[in-house]
Amino acid sequence: MAEQTHVLFVEDDDVIREATQLALERDGFVVTAMPDGLAGLEAFRADQPDIALLDVMVPGLDGVSLCRRIRDESTVPVIMLSARADSIDVVLGLEAGADDYVTKPFDGAVLVARIRAVLRRFGHASGQRAAAEAESSSSVDGGVLSFGDGDLEIDREGMEVRRGGTPVALTPTEMRLLLEFSSAPGTVLSRDKLLERVWDYGWGGDTRVVDVHVQRLRTKIGQDRIETVRGFGYKLKA
């Protein structure tokens, strides 16, 4: 029997927490549900889940702060839950290290689809596929791409990035984003295309997810390494 996926779910609304837990369990997930951020952090440290669902507005330790704590300790995928699609909380959650977000009220099937999409791109097979795609598009030997006179190196086989010879810690989503850029340096990739390839969206998504992750990636590999092409998207400088 395949190992079940363990979900940490932090939500202070009793009705939403219980209904969502039941819906996820019906789809085969193992769910640890907590009513506040501090309890969520303790549960995370006690038994690291496969994925964390964090409501933005929870007592004790809010969802954004909890996301930062988790990201300081782990690359476990995080999905934020927000009551408003236009809320600044969405951007704050992504900047804190979340990989995606879902707006409340949400359909249970949509939430499950988003969870599975995140888990697919975090899986070992997804990482190997992204690396293989990058390798097939490059003439560089040894599985290592080099940019900026060697200042930025991407080891596609070892899934490692170095800047000036120093290892750079990337989340799996940031790594997939960088691999996508490096598979076609100098080529402009639209936000919609990146949502499709990196976030595995089979439908239209919020491009803020892309924008925030590009900004996070820039802080790690160099602000001028990824260029914005206004009205079209982004490209990695060759």
C-alpha atoms as a PDB file:
ATOM      1  CA  MET A   1       0.000   0.000   0.000  1.00  0.00           C
ATOM      2  CA  ALA A   2       1.318   3.454  -0.916  1.00  0.00           C
ATOM      3  CA  GLU A   3       2.309   5.680   1.964  1.00  0.00           C
ATOM      4  CA  GLN A   4      -0.351   8.269   2.749  1.00  0.00           C
ATOM      5  CA  THR A   5       0.402  11.979   2.486  1.00  0.00           C
ATOM      6  CA  HIS A   6       0.540  13.780   5.835  1.00  0.00           C
ATOM      7  CA  VAL A   7      -1.055  17.240   5.847  1.00  0.00           C
ATOM      8  CA  LEU A   8      -0.646  19.794   8.640  1.00  0.00           C
ATOM      9  CA  PHE A   9      -3.734  22.030   8.609  1.00  0.00           C
ATOM     10  CA  VAL A  10      -3.836  25.162  10.788  1.00  0.00           C
ATOM     11  CA  GLU A  11      -7.242  26.880  10.924  1.00  0.00           C
ATOM     12  CA  ASP A  12      -8.974  28.556  13.869  1.00  0.00           C
ATOM     13  CA  ASP A  13     -12.543  28.299  12.540  1.00  0.00           C
ATOM     14  CA  ASP A  14     -13.919  25.079  14.001  1.00  0.00           C
ATOM     15  CA  VAL A  15     -16.433  24.467  11.217  1.00  0.00           C
ATOM     16  CA  ILE A  16     -13.948  25.046   8.394  1.00  0.00           C
ATOM     17  CA  ARG A  17     -11.237  23.041  10.166  1.00  0.00           C
ATOM     18  CA  GLU A  18     -13.431  20.008  10.799  1.00  0.00           C
ATOM     19  CA  ALA A  19     -15.144  20.034   7.395  1.00  0.00           C
ATOM     20  CA  THR A  20     -11.842  20.428   5.526  1.00  0.00           C
ATOM     21  CA  GLN A  21     -10.164  17.730   7.588  1.00  0.00           C
ATOM     22  CA  LEU A  22     -12.973  15.297   6.781  1.00  0.00           C
ATOM     23  CA  ALA A  23     -12.844  16.176   3.083  1.00  0.00           C
ATOM     24  CA  LEU A  24      -9.080  15.660   2.915  1.00  0.00           C
ATOM     25  CA  GLU A  25      -9.285  12.386   4.825  1.00  0.00           C
ATOM     26  CA  ARG A  26     -11.930  11.127   2.397  1.00  0.00           C
ATOM     27  CA  ASP A  27      -9.386  11.748  -0.371  1.00  0.00           C
ATOM     28  CA  GLY A  28      -6.827   9.605   1.422  1.00  0.00           C
ATOM     29  CA  PHE A  29      -4.756  12.218   3.258  1.00  0.00           C
ATOM     30  CA  VAL A  30      -3.656  11.902   6.865  1.00  0.00           C
ATOM     31  CA  VAL A  31      -4.485  15.231   8.519  1.00  0.00           C
ATOM     32  CA  THR A  32      -3.162  16.853  11.673  1.00  0.00           C
ATOM     33  CA  ALA A  33      -5.494  19.812  12.327  1.00  0.00           C
ATOM     34  CA  MET A  34      -4.548  22.583  14.764  1.00  0.00           C
ATOM     35  CA  PRO A  35      -6.539  25.661  15.879  1.00  0.00           C
ATOM     36  CA  ASP A  36      -3.684  28.144  16.271  1.00  0.00           C
ATOM     37  CA  GLY A  37      -0.195  28.905  15.019  1.00  0.00           C
ATOM     38  CA  LEU A  38       1.747  27.918  18.116  1.00  0.00           C
ATOM     39  CA  ALA A  39       0.070  24.510  18.236  1.00  0.00           C
ATOM     40  CA  GLY A  40       0.738  24.203  14.513  1.00  0.00           C
ATOM     41  CA  LEU A  41       4.442  24.908  14.983  1.00  0.00           C
ATOM     42  CA  GLU A  42       4.672  22.307  17.758  1.00  0.00           C
ATOM     43  CA  ALA A  43       2.911  19.735  15.561  1.00  0.00           C
ATOM     44  CA  PHE A  44       5.215  20.535  12.670  1.00  0.00           C
ATOM     45  CA  ARG A  45       8.328  20.032  14.778  1.00  0.00           C
ATOM     46  CA  ALA A  46       6.981  16.879  16.397  1.00  0.00           C
ATOM     47  CA  ASP A  47       6.149  15.117  13.147  1.00  0.00           C
ATOM     48  CA  GLN A  48       7.179  16.947   9.988  1.00  0.00           C
ATOM     49  CA  PRO A  49       4.321  16.709   7.471  1.00  0.00           C
ATOM     50  CA  ASP A  50       4.513  16.332   3.715  1.00  0.00           C
ATOM     51  CA  ILE A  51       2.715  19.646   3.214  1.00  0.00           C
ATOM     52  CA  ALA A  52       1.337  22.463   5.391  1.00  0.00           C
ATOM     53  CA  LEU A  53      -1.942  24.352   4.873  1.00  0.00           C
ATOM     54  CA  LEU A  54      -1.890  27.578   6.879  1.00  0.00           C
ATOM     55  CA  ASP A  55      -4.708  30.035   7.313  1.00  0.00           C
ATOM     56  CA  VAL A  56      -3.372  33.589   7.361  1.00  0.00           C
ATOM     57  CA  MET A  57      -5.453  34.795  10.301  1.00  0.00           C
ATOM     58  CA  VAL A  58      -4.944  32.389  13.188  1.00  0.00           C
ATOM     59  CA  PRO A  59      -4.316  33.271  16.861  1.00  0.00           C
ATOM     60  CA  GLY A  60      -1.113  32.816  18.827  1.00  0.00           C
ATOM     61  CA  LEU A  61       1.199  32.887  15.824  1.00  0.00           C
ATOM     62  CA  ASP A  62      -0.328  34.131  12.591  1.00  0.00           C
ATOM     63  CA  GLY A  63      -0.040  32.080   9.410  1.00  0.00           C
ATOM     64  CA  VAL A  64       2.570  34.328   7.785  1.00  0.00           C
ATOM     65  CA  SER A  65       4.842  34.165  10.845  1.00  0.00           C
ATOM     66  CA  LEU A  66       4.300  30.413  11.082  1.00  0.00           C
ATOM     67  CA  CYS A  67       5.263  30.074   7.432  1.00  0.00           C
ATOM     68  CA  ARG A  68       8.513  31.951   8.121  1.00  0.00           C
ATOM     69  CA  ARG A  69       9.274  29.633  11.046  1.00  0.00           C
ATOM     70  CA  ILE A  70       8.659  26.568   8.920  1.00  0.00           C
ATOM     71  CA  ARG A  71      10.748  27.924   6.061  1.00  0.00           C
ATOM     72  CA  ASP A  72      13.634  28.617   8.448  1.00  0.00           C
ATOM     73  CA  GLU A  73      13.662  24.921   9.331  1.00  0.00           C
ATOM     74  CA  SER A  74      12.426  23.081   6.265  1.00  0.00           C
ATOM     75  CA  THR A  75      11.640  23.128   2.545  1.00  0.00           C
ATOM     76  CA  VAL A  76       8.304  21.368   3.145  1.00  0.00           C
ATOM     77  CA  PRO A  77       5.731  22.868   0.741  1.00  0.00           C
ATOM     78  CA  VAL A  78       3.359  25.454   2.195  1.00  0.00           C
ATOM     79  CA  ILE A  79      -0.017  26.599   0.884  1.00  0.00           C
ATOM     80  CA  MET A  80      -1.540  29.691   2.468  1.00  0.00           C
ATOM     81  CA  LEU A  81      -5.311  30.062   2.883  1.00  0.00           C
ATOM     82  CA  SER A  82      -6.634  33.608   2.612  1.00  0.00           C
ATOM     83  CA  ALA A  83     -10.168  34.979   2.896  1.00  0.00           C
ATOM     84  CA  ARG A  84      -9.556  37.672   0.272  1.00  0.00           C
ATOM     85  CA  ALA A  85      -7.893  37.258  -3.112  1.00  0.00           C
ATOM     86  CA  ASP A  86      -6.764  40.885  -3.183  1.00  0.00           C
ATOM     87  CA  SER A  87      -5.432  40.919   0.357  1.00  0.00           C
ATOM     88  CA  ILE A  88      -1.882  42.016   1.055  1.00  0.00           C
ATOM     89  CA  ASP A  89      -1.762  38.873   3.176  1.00  0.00           C
ATOM     90  CA  VAL A  90      -1.441  36.824  -0.016  1.00  0.00           C
ATOM     91  CA  VAL A  91       1.756  38.634  -1.008  1.00  0.00           C
ATOM     92  CA  LEU A  92       3.081  38.573   2.553  1.00  0.00           C
ATOM     93  CA  GLY A  93       2.540  34.827   2.699  1.00  0.00           C
ATOM     94  CA  LEU A  94       4.371  34.259  -0.580  1.00  0.00           C
ATOM     95  CA  GLU A  95       7.212  36.529   0.519  1.00  0.00           C
ATOM     96  CA  ALA A  96       7.441  34.528   3.751  1.00  0.00           C
ATOM     97  CA  GLY A  97       8.171  31.417   1.698  1.00  0.00           C
ATOM     98  CA  ALA A  98       4.774  29.952   0.805  1.00  0.00           C
ATOM     99  CA  ASP A  99       4.628  28.099  -2.492  1.00  0.00           C
ATOM    100  CA  ASP A 100       1.003  28.780  -3.367  1.00  0.00           C
ATOM    101  CA  TYR A 101      -2.253  30.057  -1.901  1.00  0.00           C
ATOM    102  CA  VAL A 102      -5.948  29.250  -2.059  1.00  0.00           C
ATOM    103  CA  THR A 103      -8.712  31.785  -1.490  1.00  0.00           C
ATOM    104  CA  LYS A 104     -11.534  31.071   0.953  1.00  0.00           C
ATOM    105  CA  PRO A 105     -14.246  29.976   0.592  1.00  0.00           C
ATOM    106  CA  PHE A 106     -12.775  27.163  -1.482  1.00  0.00           C
ATOM    107  CA  ASP A 107     -14.181  24.084  -3.125  1.00  0.00           C
ATOM    108  CA  GLY A 108     -12.815  20.895  -1.603  1.00  0.00           C
ATOM    109  CA  ALA A 109     -11.967  19.444  -5.015  1.00  0.00           C
ATOM    110  CA  VAL A 110     -10.017  22.586  -5.925  1.00  0.00           C
ATOM    111  CA  LEU A 111      -8.040  22.441  -2.683  1.00  0.00           C
ATOM    112  CA  VAL A 112      -7.199  18.772  -3.252  1.00  0.00           C
ATOM    113  CA  ALA A 113      -6.116  19.530  -6.825  1.00  0.00           C
ATOM    114  CA  ARG A 114      -3.831  22.332  -5.660  1.00  0.00           C
ATOM    115  CA  ILE A 115      -2.326  20.136  -2.936  1.00  0.00           C
ATOM    116  CA  ARG A 116      -1.605  17.383  -5.437  1.00  0.00           C
ATOM    117  CA  ALA A 117      -0.163  19.864  -7.935  1.00  0.00           C
ATOM    118  CA  VAL A 118       2.248  21.179  -5.289  1.00  0.00           C
ATOM    119  CA  LEU A 119       3.225  17.675  -4.219  1.00  0.00           C
ATOM    120  CA  ARG A 120       3.859  16.619  -7.825  1.00  0.00           C
ATOM    121  CA  ARG A 121       6.339  19.396  -8.409  1.00  0.00           C
ATOM    122  CA  PHE A 122       8.014  18.726  -5.065  1.00  0.00           C
ATOM    123  CA  GLY A 123       8.363  15.019  -5.808  1.00  0.00           C
ATOM    124  CA  HIS A 124      11.601  13.355  -6.803  1.00  0.00           C
ATOM    125  CA  ALA A 125      10.295  12.578 -10.269  1.00  0.00           C
ATOM    126  CA  SER A 126       9.372  16.205 -10.862  1.00  0.00           C
ATOM    127  CA  GLY A 127      12.837  17.337  -9.921  1.00  0.00           C
ATOM    128  CA  GLN A 128      14.429  14.788 -12.229  1.00  0.00           C
ATOM    129  CA  ARG A 129      12.129  15.772 -15.082  1.00  0.00           C
ATOM    130  CA  ALA A 130      12.965  19.463 -14.697  1.00  0.00           C
ATOM    131  CA  ALA A 131      16.675  18.682 -14.595  1.00  0.00           C
ATOM    132  CA  ALA A 132      16.394  16.478 -17.685  1.00  0.00           C
ATOM    133  CA  GLU A 133      14.560  19.235 -19.549  1.00  0.00           C
ATOM    134  CA  ALA A 134      17.278  21.700 -18.687  1.00  0.00           C
ATOM    135  CA  GLU A 135      20.006  19.267 -19.720  1.00  0.00           C
ATOM    136  CA  SER A 136      18.390  18.498 -23.070  1.00  0.00           C
ATOM    137  CA  SER A 137      18.314  22.222 -23.892  1.00  0.00           C
ATOM    138  CA  SER A 138      21.982  22.906 -23.085  1.00  0.00           C
ATOM    139  CA  SER A 139      25.286  22.142 -24.719  1.00  0.00           C
ATOM    140  CA  VAL A 140      27.157  22.394 -21.428  1.00  0.00           C
ATOM    141  CA  ASP A 141      28.976  19.186 -20.467  1.00  0.00           C
ATOM    142  CA  GLY A 142      28.774  17.533 -17.060  1.00  0.00           C
ATOM    143  CA  GLY A 143      25.254  18.681 -16.233  1.00  0.00           C
ATOM    144  CA  VAL A 144      26.449  22.089 -14.993  1.00  0.00           C
ATOM    145  CA  LEU A 145      25.242  25.380 -16.437  1.00  0.00           C
ATOM    146  CA  SER A 146      27.368  28.487 -15.958  1.00  0.00           C
ATOM    147  CA  PHE A 147      26.267  32.114 -16.248  1.00  0.00           C
ATOM    148  CA  GLY A 148      27.864  35.509 -15.688  1.00  0.00           C
ATOM    149  CA  ASP A 149      31.475  34.435 -16.324  1.00  0.00           C
ATOM    150  CA  GLY A 150      30.980  31.506 -13.978  1.00  0.00           C
ATOM    151  CA  ASP A 151      29.537  33.561 -11.119  1.00  0.00           C
ATOM    152  CA  LEU A 152      26.304  31.533 -11.214  1.00  0.00           C
ATOM    153  CA  GLU A 153      26.510  27.753 -11.561  1.00  0.00           C
ATOM    154  CA  ILE A 154      23.565  25.360 -11.735  1.00  0.00           C
ATOM    155  CA  ASP A 155      24.326  21.683 -11.178  1.00  0.00           C
ATOM    156  CA  ARG A 156      21.328  20.008 -12.807  1.00  0.00           C
ATOM    157  CA  GLU A 157      22.219  16.485 -11.730  1.00  0.00           C
ATOM    158  CA  GLY A 158      23.062  17.356  -8.138  1.00  0.00           C
ATOM    159  CA  MET A 159      20.208  19.903  -7.981  1.00  0.00           C
ATOM    160  CA  GLU A 160      22.553  22.477  -6.485  1.00  0.00           C
ATOM    161  CA  VAL A 161      23.183  26.149  -7.186  1.00  0.00           C
ATOM    162  CA  ARG A 162      26.361  28.098  -6.448  1.00  0.00           C
ATOM    163  CA  ARG A 163      26.977  31.816  -6.621  1.00  0.00           C
ATOM    164  CA  GLY A 164      30.596  32.865  -6.592  1.00  0.00           C
ATOM    165  CA  GLY A 165      31.435  29.327  -5.531  1.00  0.00           C
ATOM    166  CA  THR A 166      29.152  29.519  -2.482  1.00  0.00           C
ATOM    167  CA  PRO A 167      26.130  27.184  -2.280  1.00  0.00           C
ATOM    168  CA  VAL A 168      22.757  28.904  -2.562  1.00  0.00           C
ATOM    169  CA  ALA A 169      19.824  27.443  -0.636  1.00  0.00           C
ATOM    170  CA  LEU A 170      16.703  27.334  -2.799  1.00  0.00           C
ATOM    171  CA  THR A 171      13.281  25.925  -2.075  1.00  0.00           C
ATOM    172  CA  PRO A 172      12.077  23.257  -4.532  1.00  0.00           C
ATOM    173  CA  THR A 173       9.787  25.798  -6.195  1.00  0.00           C
ATOM    174  CA  GLU A 174      12.643  28.278  -6.599  1.00  0.00           C
ATOM    175  CA  MET A 175      14.827  25.521  -8.021  1.00  0.00           C
ATOM    176  CA  ARG A 176      12.198  24.524 -10.562  1.00  0.00           C
ATOM    177  CA  LEU A 177      11.748  28.163 -11.533  1.00  0.00           C
ATOM    178  CA  LEU A 178      15.486  28.607 -12.036  1.00  0.00           C
ATOM    179  CA  LEU A 179      15.730  25.369 -14.023  1.00  0.00           C
ATOM    180  CA  GLU A 180      12.927  26.583 -16.260  1.00  0.00           C
ATOM    181  CA  PHE A 181      14.741  29.854 -16.912  1.00  0.00           C
ATOM    182  CA  SER A 182      18.095  28.151 -17.427  1.00  0.00           C
ATOM    183  CA  SER A 183      16.652  25.687 -19.942  1.00  0.00           C
ATOM    184  CA  ALA A 184      16.319  28.595 -22.379  1.00  0.00           C
ATOM    185  CA  PRO A 185      18.563  31.499 -21.303  1.00  0.00           C
ATOM    186  CA  GLY A 186      17.763  34.731 -23.086  1.00  0.00           C
ATOM    187  CA  THR A 187      14.255  33.529 -23.970  1.00  0.00           C
ATOM    188  CA  VAL A 188      11.333  35.498 -22.550  1.00  0.00           C
ATOM    189  CA  LEU A 189       8.927  33.321 -20.543  1.00  0.00           C
ATOM    190  CA  SER A 190       5.489  34.719 -19.827  1.00  0.00           C
ATOM    191  CA  ARG A 191       3.967  34.566 -16.376  1.00  0.00           C
ATOM    192  CA  ASP A 192       1.217  32.277 -17.670  1.00  0.00           C
ATOM    193  CA  LYS A 193       3.795  29.912 -19.167  1.00  0.00           C
ATOM    194  CA  LEU A 194       5.707  29.816 -15.881  1.00  0.00           C
ATOM    195  CA  LEU A 195       2.483  29.108 -13.977  1.00  0.00           C
ATOM    196  CA  GLU A 196       1.857  26.189 -16.308  1.00  0.00           C
ATOM    197  CA  ARG A 197       5.379  24.765 -16.236  1.00  0.00           C
ATOM    198  CA  VAL A 198       6.491  25.450 -12.667  1.00  0.00           C
ATOM    199  CA  TRP A 199       3.232  25.531 -10.701  1.00  0.00           C
ATOM    200  CA  ASP A 200       1.557  22.846 -12.788  1.00  0.00           C
ATOM    201  CA  TYR A 201      -1.583  24.937 -13.244  1.00  0.00           C
ATOM    202  CA  GLY A 202      -3.972  23.526 -15.778  1.00  0.00           C
ATOM    203  CA  TRP A 203      -6.055  26.686 -15.443  1.00  0.00           C
ATOM    204  CA  GLY A 204      -5.476  30.413 -15.122  1.00  0.00           C
ATOM    205  CA  GLY A 205      -3.700  31.384 -11.929  1.00  0.00           C
ATOM    206  CA  ASP A 206      -2.686  34.499 -10.042  1.00  0.00           C
ATOM    207  CA  THR A 207       0.527  35.821 -11.596  1.00  0.00           C
ATOM    208  CA  ARG A 208       1.512  37.388  -8.275  1.00  0.00           C
ATOM    209  CA  VAL A 209       2.740  33.923  -7.349  1.00  0.00           C
ATOM    210  CA  VAL A 210       5.269  34.170 -10.181  1.00  0.00           C
ATOM    211  CA  ASP A 211       6.265  37.765  -9.451  1.00  0.00           C
ATOM    212  CA  VAL A 212       6.970  37.141  -5.779  1.00  0.00           C
ATOM    213  CA  HIS A 213       8.973  33.968  -6.467  1.00  0.00           C
ATOM    214  CA  VAL A 214      11.036  35.765  -9.110  1.00  0.00           C
ATOM    215  CA  GLN A 215      11.832  38.486  -6.583  1.00  0.00           C
ATOM    216  CA  ARG A 216      12.820  35.879  -3.986  1.00  0.00           C
ATOM    217  CA  LEU A 217      15.006  34.129  -6.549  1.00  0.00           C
ATOM    218  CA  ARG A 218      16.688  37.405  -7.501  1.00  0.00           C
ATOM    219  CA  THR A 219      17.724  38.057  -3.915  1.00  0.00           C
ATOM    220  CA  LYS A 220      19.541  34.711  -3.927  1.00  0.00           C
ATOM    221  CA  ILE A 221      21.186  34.592  -7.369  1.00  0.00           C
ATOM    222  CA  GLY A 222      21.596  38.317  -8.078  1.00  0.00           C
ATOM    223  CA  GLN A 223      19.096  41.079  -8.710  1.00  0.00           C
ATOM    224  CA  ASP A 224      20.256  41.664 -12.280  1.00  0.00           C
ATOM    225  CA  ARG A 225      20.404  37.995 -13.302  1.00  0.00           C
ATOM    226  CA  ILE A 226      16.683  37.754 -14.195  1.00  0.00           C
ATOM    227  CA  GLU A 227      15.451  40.551 -16.434  1.00  0.00           C
ATOM    228  CA  THR A 228      11.877  41.851 -16.556  1.00  0.00           C
ATOM    229  CA  VAL A 229      10.550  42.321 -20.076  1.00  0.00           C
ATOM    230  CA  ARG A 230       7.600  44.632 -19.518  1.00  0.00           C
ATOM    231  CA  GLY A 231       4.348  43.377 -20.928  1.00  0.00           C
ATOM    232  CA  PHE A 232       5.788  39.944 -21.722  1.00  0.00           C
ATOM    233  CA  GLY A 233       7.473  38.249 -18.756  1.00  0.00           C
ATOM    234  CA  TYR A 234      10.961  37.393 -17.569  1.00  0.00           C
ATOM    235  CA  LYS A 235      14.179  36.013 -18.975  1.00  0.00           C
ATOM    236  CA  LEU A 236      17.463  34.758 -17.553  1.00  0.00           C
ATOM    237  CA  LYS A 237      20.426  36.710 -18.898  1.00  0.00           C
ATOM    238  CA  ALA A 238      22.659  34.405 -20.921  1.00  0.00           C
END
